[in-house]
Amino acid sequence: MSPRGETISDRYQIEDRLGSGGMSSVFRATDTILERTVAVKILAEHLSDDERFVARFRREALAVAKLVHPNIVQVYDTGIDAGRHYIVMEYVRGKSGAQILQSKGTLPVETAVEIGVQACSGLDYAHRHGIIHRDVKPGNLMVIGGPAGGGGDMSVKLADFGIARATEQTRITQVGSVVGTAAYLAPEQARGDEAAPSSDVYALGVVLYQFLTGRLPYEGASLAELAVRQQSEQPLPPSSYNDEVPQAVGEAVLVALESDPEARFAAAGELADALRRGLDGESPASSEARTRVVSGGSEPTAATRHLPRTQSTRRPPPRRRQPQRAQRPPAGQAPRKPGQVNVVRTVAAVVALLLLAAVVAMFVVLATDNNTSQRTNVEDIVKDNVNDQIDALRNAIEDNTQQ
């Protein structure tokens, strides 16, 4: 039953339906107190008795109401009326990214980059406040002006933090559960792992790929097939489908689509920077800081972690130290003292004697192999002789080094 014409909490008069999903429906409404148009999202009736969904729905309002940013749809109010939980939000007069894709197929590169940069600005702000969107997709990007029509400068707002939550708060979704649209889920989300800022970066990378090529980077008939392709395949560069896409812009999008979160951009702001640089032909892997990491410089920071998989950060193996050759003393340096020369000669002579003694001892032992007592005596003699030579060597070195 549609609530059109009803007034919620004696304040919000419901008008047209704007959209609906599995969890909620969104209506255009009038705030009769402030006399302004708003959007009211009402939780689906069959979920109102589910404490987990109600808690998630309420958590959205509490978390997102703290976010005040030009690239995020503002949340004004929340409450419950006649058993229905609702959220009151800013009404955006524009079109969603999904509607634009449906009508235009692809977008000009500059327009797609500008949408991505503005979306990154909103995501970066939310991430710095501990909130992950977790459901970035074309339908949740509201575009005003530009390809949405209506004239004026284009602006982009992130909408429907429907499954957003403050990262420092208690987790609602159970381990292993997956919430969101499968095609835009980062691999770690598809596995049921905890979402992170880089998960939103991945999802936005999928959206940008669509804006530039008119298709998804990965397609699968099921979540399992999609997950396998994400892990085993690499998307083709966007320029493979649209030759107007600069290579550097395509590379920035591909870094955002890395299956390994550590290989992606660590923050949405980094993706925005890479997209801007891409329009100027600068690859995301060619910045000065990233070059320092590849060459074995300082430890990588948040701005240098997202190297593409083709880049290697391994340092070359250390060179083996070559034995030093005897060199003539440099000009102005005194030559070695005679005593030092004698030390070298003495050491060489003693070493030769030790080798000779060892050889003789070996033959003697072999010759007396059948007589155990004789072999023992010979071994004792050899040991004494060697010890005597070592003592002589030590004394010679000490005498010569004191000269």
Protein backbone atom coordinates (compact mmCIF):
# COMPACT_ATOMS: atom_id res chain seq x y z
CA MET A 1 0.00 0.00 0.00
CA SER A 2 1.46 3.35 -1.07
CA PRO A 3 1.64 6.05 1.62
CA ARG A 4 1.13 8.77 -0.99
CA GLY A 5 -0.91 11.60 0.46
CA GLU A 6 -0.14 10.55 4.03
CA THR A 7 1.67 12.72 6.53
CA ILE A 8 4.41 11.11 8.60
CA SER A 9 4.91 12.32 12.16
CA ASP A 10 2.53 15.22 11.46
CA ARG A 11 5.26 16.88 9.42
CA TYR A 12 6.29 15.14 6.19
CA GLN A 13 3.59 14.96 3.54
CA ILE A 14 4.32 12.07 1.15
CA GLU A 15 4.06 12.77 -2.59
CA ASP A 16 5.66 10.81 -5.45
CA ARG A 17 7.65 7.59 -5.21
CA LEU A 18 11.25 8.14 -6.31
CA GLY A 19 12.49 4.58 -6.13
CA SER A 20 12.43 1.36 -4.17
CA GLY A 21 14.70 -1.50 -3.22
CA GLY A 22 14.73 -4.62 -1.14
CA MET A 23 15.17 -2.72 2.09
CA SER A 24 13.26 0.50 1.59
CA SER A 25 11.30 2.84 -0.64
CA VAL A 26 12.09 6.51 -1.22
CA PHE A 27 9.44 9.20 -1.68
CA ARG A 28 9.46 12.88 -2.47
CA ALA A 29 7.78 14.73 0.35
CA THR A 30 7.17 18.21 1.73
CA ASP A 31 8.44 19.29 5.10
CA THR A 32 5.38 21.24 6.23
CA ILE A 33 7.28 23.00 9.01
CA LEU A 34 10.30 24.26 7.06
CA GLU A 35 8.34 24.36 3.79
CA ARG A 36 10.91 22.59 1.67
CA THR A 37 11.01 19.51 -0.51
CA VAL A 38 12.72 16.48 1.04
CA ALA A 39 13.21 12.79 0.32
CA VAL A 40 11.81 10.30 2.82
CA LYS A 41 13.09 6.74 2.91
CA ILE A 42 10.77 4.25 4.59
CA LEU A 43 11.91 0.81 5.67
CA ALA A 44 10.04 -2.02 3.97
CA GLU A 45 7.14 -3.31 6.03
CA HIS A 46 8.30 -6.94 6.02
CA LEU A 47 11.58 -5.82 7.59
CA SER A 48 10.14 -3.61 10.32
CA ASP A 49 9.92 -6.58 12.69
CA ASP A 50 13.52 -7.65 12.01
CA GLU A 51 15.60 -6.16 14.80
CA ARG A 52 18.84 -6.49 12.84
CA PHE A 53 17.50 -4.60 9.83
CA VAL A 54 15.90 -1.98 12.02
CA ALA A 55 19.17 -1.48 13.86
CA ARG A 56 21.03 -1.15 10.57
CA PHE A 57 18.44 1.30 9.27
CA ARG A 58 18.68 3.42 12.39
CA ARG A 59 22.45 3.24 12.37
CA GLU A 60 22.45 4.77 8.90
CA ALA A 61 20.68 7.86 10.10
CA LEU A 62 22.92 8.34 13.14
CA ALA A 63 26.11 7.87 11.15
CA VAL A 64 25.30 9.81 7.99
CA ALA A 65 23.60 12.71 9.78
CA LYS A 66 27.08 13.68 11.01
CA LEU A 67 28.32 14.09 7.44
CA VAL A 68 27.92 17.59 6.04
CA HIS A 69 29.62 17.80 2.64
CA PRO A 70 28.62 19.18 -0.79
CA ASN A 71 29.18 15.75 -2.38
CA ILE A 72 27.02 13.80 0.08
CA VAL A 73 23.24 13.81 0.30
CA GLN A 74 22.42 15.40 3.66
CA VAL A 75 20.32 13.52 6.25
CA TYR A 76 17.95 15.79 8.14
CA ASP A 77 15.83 13.65 10.43
CA THR A 78 14.85 10.12 11.44
CA GLY A 79 12.05 8.54 13.42
CA ILE A 80 9.25 6.00 13.59
CA ASP A 81 5.58 6.55 12.84
CA ALA A 82 2.81 3.92 12.98
CA GLY A 83 5.43 1.21 13.17
CA ARG A 84 7.29 2.49 10.09
CA HIS A 85 10.91 3.57 10.41
CA TYR A 86 11.93 6.46 8.19
CA ILE A 87 14.80 8.77 7.32
CA VAL A 88 14.41 12.28 5.95
CA MET A 89 17.08 13.38 3.47
CA GLU A 90 18.00 16.20 1.13
CA TYR A 91 16.02 16.07 -2.10
CA VAL A 92 18.30 16.14 -5.15
CA ARG A 93 16.86 17.39 -8.45
CA GLY A 94 18.97 15.45 -10.89
CA LYS A 95 19.53 12.01 -12.37
CA SER A 96 21.32 8.98 -11.01
CA GLY A 97 24.36 7.53 -12.71
CA ALA A 98 22.25 4.50 -13.61
CA GLN A 99 19.74 6.67 -15.45
CA ILE A 100 22.53 8.46 -17.31
CA LEU A 101 24.13 5.16 -18.37
CA GLN A 102 20.78 3.90 -19.57
CA SER A 103 20.18 6.97 -21.73
CA LYS A 104 23.71 7.71 -22.96
CA GLY A 105 25.67 4.44 -22.76
CA THR A 106 29.02 6.12 -22.16
CA LEU A 107 30.21 9.54 -21.05
CA PRO A 108 32.92 11.86 -22.39
CA VAL A 109 36.22 11.24 -20.62
CA GLU A 110 36.33 14.69 -18.99
CA THR A 111 32.78 14.28 -17.67
CA ALA A 112 33.45 10.79 -16.28
CA VAL A 113 36.64 12.02 -14.59
CA GLU A 114 34.83 14.99 -13.04
CA ILE A 115 32.09 12.72 -11.67
CA GLY A 116 34.78 10.43 -10.26
CA VAL A 117 36.72 13.30 -8.68
CA GLN A 118 33.62 14.70 -6.95
CA ALA A 119 32.55 11.25 -5.76
CA CYS A 120 36.07 10.73 -4.38
CA SER A 121 35.77 13.99 -2.47
CA GLY A 122 32.60 12.81 -0.75
CA LEU A 123 34.01 9.35 -0.03
CA ASP A 124 37.26 10.74 1.33
CA TYR A 125 35.32 12.99 3.72
CA ALA A 126 33.17 10.06 4.91
CA HIS A 127 36.20 7.79 5.35
CA ARG A 128 37.99 10.40 7.46
CA HIS A 129 34.94 10.39 9.71
CA GLY A 130 35.04 6.61 10.08
CA ILE A 131 32.18 5.78 7.70
CA ILE A 132 32.34 3.34 4.78
CA HIS A 133 29.63 3.66 2.14
CA ARG A 134 29.73 -0.06 1.19
CA ASP A 135 27.24 0.30 -1.67
CA VAL A 136 28.79 2.63 -4.26
CA LYS A 137 27.10 2.06 -7.63
CA PRO A 138 25.67 4.21 -10.45
CA GLY A 139 22.23 4.30 -8.82
CA ASN A 140 23.74 5.90 -5.71
CA LEU A 141 25.53 8.71 -7.56
CA MET A 142 23.19 11.65 -8.05
CA VAL A 143 24.28 14.01 -10.84
CA ILE A 144 22.98 17.56 -11.14
CA GLY A 145 23.62 19.42 -14.40
CA GLY A 146 26.10 18.18 -16.99
CA PRO A 147 24.87 14.90 -18.52
CA ALA A 148 21.81 15.07 -16.26
CA GLY A 149 20.64 18.20 -18.06
CA GLY A 150 19.15 21.29 -16.51
CA GLY A 151 22.13 23.53 -17.25
CA GLY A 152 24.58 25.02 -14.81
CA ASP A 153 27.73 23.52 -13.39
CA MET A 154 27.73 19.79 -12.77
CA SER A 155 27.70 18.54 -9.20
CA VAL A 156 27.69 15.00 -7.83
CA LYS A 157 26.28 13.73 -4.56
CA LEU A 158 26.68 10.31 -2.97
CA ALA A 159 23.31 8.95 -1.93
CA ASP A 160 21.91 6.05 0.05
CA PHE A 161 24.42 5.08 2.67
CA GLY A 162 21.86 2.30 3.16
CA ILE A 163 24.36 -0.12 4.61
CA ALA A 164 26.93 2.37 5.81
CA ARG A 165 28.12 2.14 9.38
CA ALA A 166 30.70 3.80 11.57
CA THR A 167 33.76 1.57 11.49
CA GLU A 168 34.46 1.99 15.17
CA GLN A 169 30.97 0.81 16.15
CA THR A 170 29.77 -2.75 16.65
CA ARG A 171 29.52 -4.77 13.47
CA ILE A 172 25.93 -5.53 12.44
CA THR A 173 26.33 -7.83 9.46
CA GLN A 174 27.32 -11.35 10.43
CA VAL A 175 30.64 -12.87 9.38
CA GLY A 176 30.40 -14.23 5.86
CA SER A 177 27.30 -12.25 4.90
CA VAL A 178 27.36 -10.11 1.79
CA VAL A 179 25.24 -7.00 1.36
CA GLY A 180 25.20 -4.81 -1.74
CA THR A 181 25.15 -5.16 -5.51
CA ALA A 182 27.42 -8.02 -6.55
CA ALA A 183 29.01 -6.41 -9.61
CA TYR A 184 30.34 -3.52 -7.51
CA LEU A 185 31.52 -5.53 -4.52
CA ALA A 186 35.24 -5.58 -3.88
CA PRO A 187 36.67 -9.12 -3.72
CA GLU A 188 37.12 -8.88 0.04
CA GLN A 189 33.47 -7.93 0.47
CA ALA A 190 32.40 -10.84 -1.72
CA ARG A 191 34.34 -13.12 0.64
CA GLY A 192 32.44 -11.64 3.57
CA ASP A 193 35.47 -9.78 4.93
CA GLU A 194 35.31 -6.39 6.57
CA ALA A 195 34.80 -3.47 4.18
CA ALA A 196 37.40 -0.70 4.18
CA PRO A 197 37.94 2.62 2.38
CA SER A 198 39.70 0.72 -0.40
CA SER A 199 36.48 -1.29 -0.88
CA ASP A 200 34.65 1.91 -1.80
CA VAL A 201 37.56 2.82 -4.09
CA TYR A 202 37.09 -0.51 -5.90
CA ALA A 203 33.36 0.04 -6.32
CA LEU A 204 33.91 3.53 -7.71
CA GLY A 205 36.49 2.05 -10.09
CA VAL A 206 33.77 -0.24 -11.45
CA VAL A 207 31.44 2.75 -11.90
CA LEU A 208 34.13 4.72 -13.75
CA TYR A 209 34.88 1.73 -15.98
CA GLN A 210 31.20 1.67 -16.90
CA PHE A 211 31.08 5.40 -17.59
CA LEU A 212 34.09 5.11 -19.91
CA THR A 213 33.28 1.85 -21.71
CA GLY A 214 29.55 1.20 -21.24
CA ARG A 215 30.27 -2.21 -19.72
CA LEU A 216 31.37 -3.83 -16.47
CA PRO A 217 35.03 -4.85 -15.97
CA TYR A 218 33.89 -8.29 -14.74
CA GLU A 219 30.69 -10.11 -15.53
CA GLY A 220 29.41 -13.34 -14.05
CA ALA A 221 26.18 -15.28 -13.80
CA SER A 222 26.67 -15.74 -10.05
CA LEU A 223 28.59 -14.23 -7.16
CA ALA A 224 30.92 -17.24 -7.16
CA GLU A 225 31.73 -16.86 -10.86
CA LEU A 226 32.28 -13.14 -10.39
CA ALA A 227 34.66 -13.77 -7.49
CA VAL A 228 36.68 -16.27 -9.53
CA ARG A 229 37.05 -13.82 -12.40
CA GLN A 230 38.10 -11.05 -10.04
CA GLN A 231 40.90 -13.22 -8.68
CA SER A 232 42.07 -14.85 -11.93
CA GLU A 233 41.48 -12.22 -14.62
CA GLN A 234 42.63 -8.67 -15.26
CA PRO A 235 40.18 -6.26 -16.92
CA LEU A 236 41.14 -4.97 -20.34
CA PRO A 237 42.19 -1.30 -20.40
CA PRO A 238 39.20 0.99 -20.98
CA SER A 239 40.87 2.18 -24.19
CA SER A 240 40.28 -1.33 -25.60
CA TYR A 241 36.59 -0.44 -25.82
CA ASN A 242 36.84 3.33 -26.16
CA ASP A 243 39.89 4.69 -27.95
CA GLU A 244 39.13 8.20 -26.65
CA VAL A 245 40.16 7.16 -23.13
CA PRO A 246 43.76 8.28 -22.44
CA GLN A 247 46.02 5.46 -21.35
CA ALA A 248 46.90 7.21 -18.08
CA VAL A 249 43.22 7.62 -17.14
CA GLY A 250 42.63 3.94 -17.89
CA GLU A 251 45.62 2.99 -15.74
CA ALA A 252 44.20 4.96 -12.80
CA VAL A 253 40.90 3.07 -13.12
CA LEU A 254 42.72 -0.29 -13.32
CA VAL A 255 44.68 0.48 -10.13
CA ALA A 256 41.34 1.11 -8.40
CA LEU A 257 40.20 -2.32 -9.66
CA GLU A 258 43.14 -4.28 -8.26
CA SER A 259 41.85 -7.44 -6.54
CA ASP A 260 44.41 -7.05 -3.74
CA PRO A 261 43.34 -4.16 -1.45
CA GLU A 262 47.00 -3.40 -0.71
CA ALA A 263 47.62 -2.79 -4.43
CA ARG A 264 44.77 -0.29 -4.80
CA PHE A 265 44.74 3.37 -3.95
CA ALA A 266 44.77 3.58 -0.18
CA ALA A 267 42.33 6.51 -0.15
CA ALA A 268 39.69 7.96 -2.44
CA GLY A 269 41.65 11.20 -2.63
CA GLU A 270 44.50 9.32 -4.28
CA LEU A 271 42.19 8.05 -7.02
CA ALA A 272 40.99 11.62 -7.60
CA ASP A 273 44.59 12.84 -7.97
CA ALA A 274 45.41 10.01 -10.36
CA LEU A 275 42.36 10.79 -12.51
CA ARG A 276 43.32 14.46 -12.74
CA ARG A 277 46.91 13.59 -13.62
CA GLY A 278 45.64 11.06 -16.14
CA LEU A 279 43.97 13.81 -18.16
CA ASP A 280 47.43 15.40 -18.43
CA GLY A 281 48.94 12.11 -19.53
CA GLU A 282 50.70 11.30 -16.25
CA SER A 283 50.56 7.64 -15.25
CA PRO A 284 49.61 6.82 -11.63
CA ALA A 285 52.84 4.79 -11.41
CA SER A 286 55.14 7.64 -12.44
CA SER A 287 54.94 10.05 -9.52
CA GLU A 288 58.17 11.08 -7.84
CA ALA A 289 57.27 9.50 -4.51
CA ARG A 290 56.40 6.19 -6.11
CA THR A 291 59.66 6.24 -8.06
CA ARG A 292 61.54 6.58 -4.78
CA VAL A 293 59.89 3.41 -3.48
CA VAL A 294 60.75 1.43 -6.61
CA SER A 295 64.36 2.56 -6.43
CA GLY A 296 64.68 1.41 -2.84
CA GLY A 297 64.19 4.75 -1.11
CA SER A 298 62.18 5.55 1.99
CA GLU A 299 59.40 3.28 3.25
CA PRO A 300 56.15 3.66 1.23
CA THR A 301 53.46 5.86 2.71
CA ALA A 302 49.72 5.99 2.09
CA ALA A 303 50.44 7.94 -1.08
CA THR A 304 52.78 5.32 -2.51
CA ARG A 305 51.25 1.97 -1.60
CA HIS A 306 49.16 1.48 -4.72
CA LEU A 307 51.74 0.23 -7.20
CA PRO A 308 50.30 -1.75 -10.09
CA ARG A 309 51.07 -5.45 -10.06
CA THR A 310 53.45 -4.99 -13.00
CA GLN A 311 55.67 -2.76 -10.91
CA SER A 312 58.38 -4.37 -8.82
CA THR A 313 59.42 -2.96 -5.46
CA ARG A 314 62.14 -5.52 -4.79
CA ARG A 315 65.56 -4.11 -4.20
CA PRO A 316 68.45 -5.55 -6.21
CA PRO A 317 70.50 -8.17 -4.32
CA PRO A 318 73.58 -6.79 -2.58
CA ARG A 319 76.80 -7.12 -4.50
CA ARG A 320 79.36 -9.55 -3.24
CA ARG A 321 82.38 -7.87 -1.81
CA GLN A 322 85.37 -8.49 -4.03
CA PRO A 323 88.74 -9.19 -2.45
CA GLN A 324 90.83 -6.08 -2.38
CA ARG A 325 93.91 -6.00 -4.53
CA ALA A 326 97.19 -4.72 -3.28
CA GLN A 327 97.53 -1.08 -4.21
CA ARG A 328 100.31 1.39 -4.11
CA PRO A 329 100.00 3.93 -1.32
CA PRO A 330 98.47 7.21 -2.48
CA ALA A 331 100.65 10.19 -2.98
CA GLY A 332 101.64 11.79 0.30
CA GLN A 333 101.04 8.63 2.32
CA ALA A 334 103.98 6.99 4.04
CA PRO A 335 104.97 3.53 2.76
CA ARG A 336 104.65 0.48 4.97
CA LYS A 337 107.27 0.01 7.64
CA PRO A 338 109.80 -2.78 7.21
CA GLY A 339 108.33 -4.54 10.22
CA GLN A 340 104.96 -4.69 8.56
CA VAL A 341 106.52 -6.25 5.48
CA ASN A 342 108.26 -8.80 7.70
CA VAL A 343 104.94 -9.76 9.23
CA VAL A 344 103.58 -10.70 5.82
CA ARG A 345 106.64 -12.70 4.98
CA THR A 346 106.64 -14.49 8.36
CA VAL A 347 102.97 -15.42 8.07
CA ALA A 348 103.49 -16.84 4.59
CA ALA A 349 106.47 -18.89 5.73
CA VAL A 350 104.71 -20.32 8.76
CA VAL A 351 101.62 -21.23 6.75
CA ALA A 352 103.84 -23.09 4.29
CA LEU A 353 105.46 -24.97 7.17
CA LEU A 354 102.09 -25.91 8.59
CA LEU A 355 100.95 -27.30 5.25
CA LEU A 356 104.16 -29.27 4.88
CA ALA A 357 103.80 -30.66 8.40
CA ALA A 358 100.25 -31.72 7.72
CA VAL A 359 101.25 -33.56 4.55
CA VAL A 360 104.10 -35.36 6.29
CA ALA A 361 101.84 -36.31 9.18
CA MET A 362 99.27 -37.78 6.81
CA PHE A 363 101.79 -40.07 5.17
CA VAL A 364 103.21 -41.12 8.52
CA VAL A 365 99.78 -42.00 9.86
CA LEU A 366 99.02 -44.02 6.76
CA ALA A 367 102.30 -45.85 7.02
CA THR A 368 101.60 -46.78 10.64
CA ASP A 369 97.95 -47.65 10.13
CA ASN A 370 98.43 -51.21 11.32
CA ASN A 371 100.00 -50.17 14.59
CA THR A 372 97.59 -48.28 16.82
CA SER A 373 100.12 -47.26 19.46
CA GLN A 374 102.55 -45.94 16.86
CA ARG A 375 99.77 -43.98 15.12
CA THR A 376 98.80 -42.40 18.43
CA ASN A 377 102.38 -41.31 19.12
CA VAL A 378 102.74 -39.81 15.66
CA GLU A 379 99.50 -37.86 16.05
CA ASP A 380 100.74 -36.47 19.37
CA ILE A 381 104.01 -35.40 17.77
CA VAL A 382 102.21 -33.68 14.88
CA LYS A 383 99.92 -31.83 17.29
CA ASP A 384 102.89 -30.63 19.33
CA ASN A 385 104.68 -29.53 16.20
CA VAL A 386 101.69 -27.60 14.90
CA ASN A 387 101.15 -25.94 18.27
CA ASP A 388 104.78 -24.91 18.35
CA GLN A 389 104.47 -23.38 14.90
CA ILE A 390 101.33 -21.47 15.93
CA ASP A 391 103.11 -20.09 18.99
CA ALA A 392 106.01 -19.05 16.80
CA LEU A 393 103.63 -17.33 14.40
CA ARG A 394 101.91 -15.42 17.22
CA ASN A 395 105.25 -14.26 18.64
CA ALA A 396 106.50 -13.16 15.22
CA ILE A 397 103.42 -11.07 14.60
CA GLU A 398 103.61 -9.40 18.01
CA ASP A 399 107.33 -8.64 17.61
CA ASN A 400 106.89 -7.10 14.14
CA THR A 401 103.78 -5.04 14.91
CA GLN A 402 105.63 -3.35 17.81
CA GLN A 403 108.33 -2.04 15.53
